[in-house]
Amino acid sequence: MVETTGGFTSAGLALEAQTLQLASLSHTEAVEIGEIAMAMGFDRGLPIAIEIRLKEWVVFHVSLPGSSPGNDTWIARKARTVLATGNSTMYERVLAEEMGIDWYAIKGLPEQTHAIHGGALPLNVKGMGCVGILLISGLPQVQDHLFGVEVLTEFLARKGELI
């Protein structure tokens, strides 16, 4: 077995994505996800930028103290990866590591505009697939991903939708 970033497996990350599916995603709900992430980030003093998109439309963005303009560049690159694949950036990275491939070469997508670094999670709605993206940048990539998972878990718990 190949050791991967964060010790994740593509199968485990696929199951995680299935578990984190939403029943719906309105504009209001997308902003609520952003507000949950912002509150958690402020409470922990995290130096992160947070963005929520409905497809390519940015409906929520905040840069917490300690983050930098560079985080916005990472967010844009991660968002393009999710839009291209429908999968989390961590899933794409781990799958490439497991397969031993150059993801950028295989996908034909430049590293300058796309990133397979953790912190971008698709907002999947049951029966519809990816309708939005939760983006986190500012922590090491495994922590960016895990923070995103925690935010979505909290959102689903508040909605009574956690499986």
C-alpha atoms as a PDB file:
ATOM      1  CA  MET A   1       0.000   0.000   0.000  1.00  0.00           C
ATOM      2  CA  VAL A   2       1.239   3.458  -0.907  1.00  0.00           C
ATOM      3  CA  GLU A   3       1.585   5.925   1.952  1.00  0.00           C
ATOM      4  CA  THR A   4      -0.409   9.023   1.054  1.00  0.00           C
ATOM      5  CA  THR A   5      -0.666  12.594   2.250  1.00  0.00           C
ATOM      6  CA  GLY A   6      -2.352  12.537   5.649  1.00  0.00           C
ATOM      7  CA  GLY A   7      -2.595   8.744   5.584  1.00  0.00           C
ATOM      8  CA  PHE A   8      -5.870   9.014   3.663  1.00  0.00           C
ATOM      9  CA  THR A   9      -7.114   6.503   1.107  1.00  0.00           C
ATOM     10  CA  SER A  10      -9.147   7.386  -1.960  1.00  0.00           C
ATOM     11  CA  ALA A  11     -11.807   4.882  -0.834  1.00  0.00           C
ATOM     12  CA  GLY A  12     -12.037   6.525   2.586  1.00  0.00           C
ATOM     13  CA  LEU A  13     -12.279   9.995   1.068  1.00  0.00           C
ATOM     14  CA  ALA A  14     -14.984   8.812  -1.360  1.00  0.00           C
ATOM     15  CA  LEU A  15     -16.980   7.446   1.591  1.00  0.00           C
ATOM     16  CA  GLU A  16     -16.445  10.727   3.438  1.00  0.00           C
ATOM     17  CA  ALA A  17     -17.836  12.671   0.458  1.00  0.00           C
ATOM     18  CA  GLN A  18     -20.884  10.394   0.365  1.00  0.00           C
ATOM     19  CA  THR A  19     -21.452  10.884   4.105  1.00  0.00           C
ATOM     20  CA  LEU A  20     -21.226  14.673   3.742  1.00  0.00           C
ATOM     21  CA  GLN A  21     -23.908  14.944   1.028  1.00  0.00           C
ATOM     22  CA  LEU A  22     -26.500  17.665   1.578  1.00  0.00           C
ATOM     23  CA  ALA A  23     -30.266  17.387   1.147  1.00  0.00           C
ATOM     24  CA  SER A  24     -30.278  20.825  -0.516  1.00  0.00           C
ATOM     25  CA  LEU A  25     -28.089  23.875  -0.960  1.00  0.00           C
ATOM     26  CA  SER A  26     -29.742  27.263  -1.221  1.00  0.00           C
ATOM     27  CA  HIS A  27     -27.908  30.565  -1.300  1.00  0.00           C
ATOM     28  CA  THR A  28     -28.875  31.051   2.365  1.00  0.00           C
ATOM     29  CA  GLU A  29     -27.544  27.598   3.300  1.00  0.00           C
ATOM     30  CA  ALA A  30     -24.274  28.267   1.453  1.00  0.00           C
ATOM     31  CA  VAL A  31     -23.785  31.472   3.444  1.00  0.00           C
ATOM     32  CA  GLU A  32     -24.647  29.573   6.640  1.00  0.00           C
ATOM     33  CA  ILE A  33     -21.835  27.098   5.900  1.00  0.00           C
ATOM     34  CA  GLY A  34     -19.480  30.048   5.498  1.00  0.00           C
ATOM     35  CA  GLU A  35     -20.653  31.575   8.761  1.00  0.00           C
ATOM     36  CA  ILE A  36     -20.095  28.287  10.609  1.00  0.00           C
ATOM     37  CA  ALA A  37     -16.556  28.100   9.206  1.00  0.00           C
ATOM     38  CA  MET A  38     -15.904  31.742  10.079  1.00  0.00           C
ATOM     39  CA  ALA A  39     -17.106  31.339  13.671  1.00  0.00           C
ATOM     40  CA  MET A  40     -15.046  28.173  14.171  1.00  0.00           C
ATOM     41  CA  GLY A  41     -12.008  29.842  12.615  1.00  0.00           C
ATOM     42  CA  PHE A  42     -12.337  32.955  14.798  1.00  0.00           C
ATOM     43  CA  ASP A  43     -12.861  30.832  17.932  1.00  0.00           C
ATOM     44  CA  ARG A  44      -9.630  28.939  17.219  1.00  0.00           C
ATOM     45  CA  GLY A  45      -7.628  31.931  15.991  1.00  0.00           C
ATOM     46  CA  LEU A  46      -6.971  30.237  12.656  1.00  0.00           C
ATOM     47  CA  PRO A  47      -5.121  32.274   9.989  1.00  0.00           C
ATOM     48  CA  ILE A  48      -7.384  31.137   7.155  1.00  0.00           C
ATOM     49  CA  ALA A  49      -9.371  32.402   4.217  1.00  0.00           C
ATOM     50  CA  ILE A  50     -12.776  30.802   3.701  1.00  0.00           C
ATOM     51  CA  GLU A  51     -14.847  30.835   0.553  1.00  0.00           C
ATOM     52  CA  ILE A  52     -18.160  29.295  -0.431  1.00  0.00           C
ATOM     53  CA  ARG A  53     -19.145  29.030  -4.065  1.00  0.00           C
ATOM     54  CA  LEU A  54     -22.270  27.978  -5.855  1.00  0.00           C
ATOM     55  CA  LYS A  55     -20.482  26.574  -8.902  1.00  0.00           C
ATOM     56  CA  GLU A  56     -18.290  29.542  -9.948  1.00  0.00           C
ATOM     57  CA  TRP A  57     -20.271  32.216  -8.074  1.00  0.00           C
ATOM     58  CA  VAL A  58     -18.602  33.368  -4.840  1.00  0.00           C
ATOM     59  CA  VAL A  59     -21.411  33.808  -2.285  1.00  0.00           C
ATOM     60  CA  PHE A  60     -19.234  34.022   0.849  1.00  0.00           C
ATOM     61  CA  HIS A  61     -15.631  35.031   1.408  1.00  0.00           C
ATOM     62  CA  VAL A  62     -13.747  36.065   4.516  1.00  0.00           C
ATOM     63  CA  SER A  63     -10.056  36.409   5.271  1.00  0.00           C
ATOM     64  CA  LEU A  64      -9.429  35.952   8.987  1.00  0.00           C
ATOM     65  CA  PRO A  65      -6.541  37.678  10.807  1.00  0.00           C
ATOM     66  CA  GLY A  66      -3.240  36.068   9.881  1.00  0.00           C
ATOM     67  CA  SER A  67      -4.335  35.023   6.402  1.00  0.00           C
ATOM     68  CA  SER A  68      -2.795  36.674   3.346  1.00  0.00           C
ATOM     69  CA  PRO A  69      -3.635  37.552  -0.252  1.00  0.00           C
ATOM     70  CA  GLY A  70      -1.799  34.382  -1.271  1.00  0.00           C
ATOM     71  CA  ASN A  71      -4.608  32.356   0.276  1.00  0.00           C
ATOM     72  CA  ASP A  72      -6.973  33.728  -2.382  1.00  0.00           C
ATOM     73  CA  THR A  73      -4.673  32.394  -5.110  1.00  0.00           C
ATOM     74  CA  TRP A  74      -4.737  28.944  -3.495  1.00  0.00           C
ATOM     75  CA  ILE A  75      -8.524  29.115  -3.183  1.00  0.00           C
ATOM     76  CA  ALA A  76      -8.903  29.917  -6.887  1.00  0.00           C
ATOM     77  CA  ARG A  77      -6.613  27.039  -7.897  1.00  0.00           C
ATOM     78  CA  LYS A  78      -8.379  24.577  -5.592  1.00  0.00           C
ATOM     79  CA  ALA A  79     -11.807  25.702  -6.826  1.00  0.00           C
ATOM     80  CA  ARG A  80     -10.838  25.044 -10.451  1.00  0.00           C
ATOM     81  CA  THR A  81      -9.826  21.500  -9.490  1.00  0.00           C
ATOM     82  CA  VAL A  82     -13.181  20.758  -7.848  1.00  0.00           C
ATOM     83  CA  LEU A  83     -15.049  22.298 -10.789  1.00  0.00           C
ATOM     84  CA  ALA A  84     -13.029  20.117 -13.199  1.00  0.00           C
ATOM     85  CA  THR A  85     -13.439  16.851 -11.265  1.00  0.00           C
ATOM     86  CA  GLY A  86     -16.375  17.113  -8.868  1.00  0.00           C
ATOM     87  CA  ASN A  87     -14.122  15.708  -6.140  1.00  0.00           C
ATOM     88  CA  SER A  88     -12.291  17.167  -3.170  1.00  0.00           C
ATOM     89  CA  THR A  89      -8.760  18.309  -3.798  1.00  0.00           C
ATOM     90  CA  MET A  90      -7.545  15.864  -1.144  1.00  0.00           C
ATOM     91  CA  TYR A  91      -9.285  12.982  -2.949  1.00  0.00           C
ATOM     92  CA  GLU A  92      -7.610  13.953  -6.225  1.00  0.00           C
ATOM     93  CA  ARG A  93      -4.200  14.214  -4.543  1.00  0.00           C
ATOM     94  CA  VAL A  94      -4.495  10.890  -2.704  1.00  0.00           C
ATOM     95  CA  LEU A  95      -5.802   9.057  -5.788  1.00  0.00           C
ATOM     96  CA  ALA A  96      -2.846  10.372  -7.818  1.00  0.00           C
ATOM     97  CA  GLU A  97      -0.452   9.266  -5.070  1.00  0.00           C
ATOM     98  CA  GLU A  98      -2.034   5.799  -4.903  1.00  0.00           C
ATOM     99  CA  MET A  99      -1.805   5.437  -8.694  1.00  0.00           C
ATOM    100  CA  GLY A 100       1.696   6.927  -8.859  1.00  0.00           C
ATOM    101  CA  ILE A 101       0.703   9.387 -11.586  1.00  0.00           C
ATOM    102  CA  ASP A 102       1.389  13.017 -12.396  1.00  0.00           C
ATOM    103  CA  TRP A 103      -2.147  14.355 -11.930  1.00  0.00           C
ATOM    104  CA  TYR A 104      -1.499  17.551 -13.870  1.00  0.00           C
ATOM    105  CA  ALA A 105      -0.101  15.693 -16.892  1.00  0.00           C
ATOM    106  CA  ILE A 106      -2.848  13.053 -16.913  1.00  0.00           C
ATOM    107  CA  LYS A 107      -5.652  15.619 -16.557  1.00  0.00           C
ATOM    108  CA  GLY A 108      -4.020  18.088 -18.922  1.00  0.00           C
ATOM    109  CA  LEU A 109      -4.505  20.863 -16.378  1.00  0.00           C
ATOM    110  CA  PRO A 110      -1.688  23.272 -15.479  1.00  0.00           C
ATOM    111  CA  GLU A 111      -0.408  23.478 -11.925  1.00  0.00           C
ATOM    112  CA  GLN A 112      -0.378  27.280 -12.256  1.00  0.00           C
ATOM    113  CA  THR A 113      -4.205  27.324 -12.381  1.00  0.00           C
ATOM    114  CA  HIS A 114      -5.168  24.110 -10.543  1.00  0.00           C
ATOM    115  CA  ALA A 115      -4.114  22.674  -7.174  1.00  0.00           C
ATOM    116  CA  ILE A 116      -4.508  19.221  -5.679  1.00  0.00           C
ATOM    117  CA  HIS A 117      -3.823  20.442  -2.151  1.00  0.00           C
ATOM    118  CA  GLY A 118      -6.380  19.693   0.556  1.00  0.00           C
ATOM    119  CA  GLY A 119      -8.935  22.287   1.543  1.00  0.00           C
ATOM    120  CA  ALA A 120     -11.530  22.275  -1.232  1.00  0.00           C
ATOM    121  CA  LEU A 121     -14.584  20.114  -0.687  1.00  0.00           C
ATOM    122  CA  PRO A 122     -17.462  19.780  -3.130  1.00  0.00           C
ATOM    123  CA  LEU A 123     -20.878  20.662  -1.775  1.00  0.00           C
ATOM    124  CA  ASN A 124     -22.759  17.665  -3.117  1.00  0.00           C
ATOM    125  CA  VAL A 125     -26.548  17.584  -3.057  1.00  0.00           C
ATOM    126  CA  LYS A 126     -28.197  14.160  -3.117  1.00  0.00           C
ATOM    127  CA  GLY A 127     -29.324  13.370  -6.649  1.00  0.00           C
ATOM    128  CA  MET A 128     -27.640  16.465  -8.115  1.00  0.00           C
ATOM    129  CA  GLY A 129     -23.915  16.062  -7.470  1.00  0.00           C
ATOM    130  CA  CYS A 130     -21.585  18.998  -6.969  1.00  0.00           C
ATOM    131  CA  VAL A 131     -23.489  22.293  -6.794  1.00  0.00           C
ATOM    132  CA  GLY A 132     -20.967  24.280  -4.770  1.00  0.00           C
ATOM    133  CA  ILE A 133     -17.586  24.279  -3.066  1.00  0.00           C
ATOM    134  CA  LEU A 134     -16.302  24.890   0.464  1.00  0.00           C
ATOM    135  CA  LEU A 135     -12.765  26.273   0.271  1.00  0.00           C
ATOM    136  CA  ILE A 136     -10.273  26.670   3.109  1.00  0.00           C
ATOM    137  CA  SER A 137      -6.718  27.997   2.771  1.00  0.00           C
ATOM    138  CA  GLY A 138      -4.101  28.921   5.326  1.00  0.00           C
ATOM    139  CA  LEU A 139      -3.331  25.750   7.271  1.00  0.00           C
ATOM    140  CA  PRO A 140      -1.258  22.770   6.146  1.00  0.00           C
ATOM    141  CA  GLN A 141      -3.334  20.953   3.523  1.00  0.00           C
ATOM    142  CA  VAL A 142      -4.415  18.032   5.718  1.00  0.00           C
ATOM    143  CA  GLN A 143      -5.668  20.477   8.369  1.00  0.00           C
ATOM    144  CA  ASP A 144      -7.419  22.585   5.691  1.00  0.00           C
ATOM    145  CA  HIS A 145      -9.267  19.438   4.575  1.00  0.00           C
ATOM    146  CA  LEU A 146     -10.095  18.252   8.081  1.00  0.00           C
ATOM    147  CA  PHE A 147     -11.389  21.705   9.035  1.00  0.00           C
ATOM    148  CA  GLY A 148     -13.667  21.647   5.984  1.00  0.00           C
ATOM    149  CA  VAL A 149     -14.970  18.215   6.991  1.00  0.00           C
ATOM    150  CA  GLU A 150     -15.626  19.490  10.504  1.00  0.00           C
ATOM    151  CA  VAL A 151     -17.542  22.512   9.147  1.00  0.00           C
ATOM    152  CA  LEU A 152     -19.755  20.348   6.925  1.00  0.00           C
ATOM    153  CA  THR A 153     -20.332  17.877   9.747  1.00  0.00           C
ATOM    154  CA  GLU A 154     -21.474  20.746  11.993  1.00  0.00           C
ATOM    155  CA  PHE A 155     -23.763  22.125   9.261  1.00  0.00           C
ATOM    156  CA  LEU A 156     -25.356  18.709   8.702  1.00  0.00           C
ATOM    157  CA  ALA A 157     -25.743  18.158  12.454  1.00  0.00           C
ATOM    158  CA  ARG A 158     -27.564  21.496  12.804  1.00  0.00           C
ATOM    159  CA  LYS A 159     -29.888  20.471   9.975  1.00  0.00           C
ATOM    160  CA  GLY A 160     -30.479  17.037  11.486  1.00  0.00           C
ATOM    161  CA  GLU A 161     -29.094  15.471   8.302  1.00  0.00           C
ATOM    162  CA  LEU A 162     -25.978  13.758   9.596  1.00  0.00           C
ATOM    163  CA  ILE A 163     -26.040  10.056   8.709  1.00  0.00           C
END
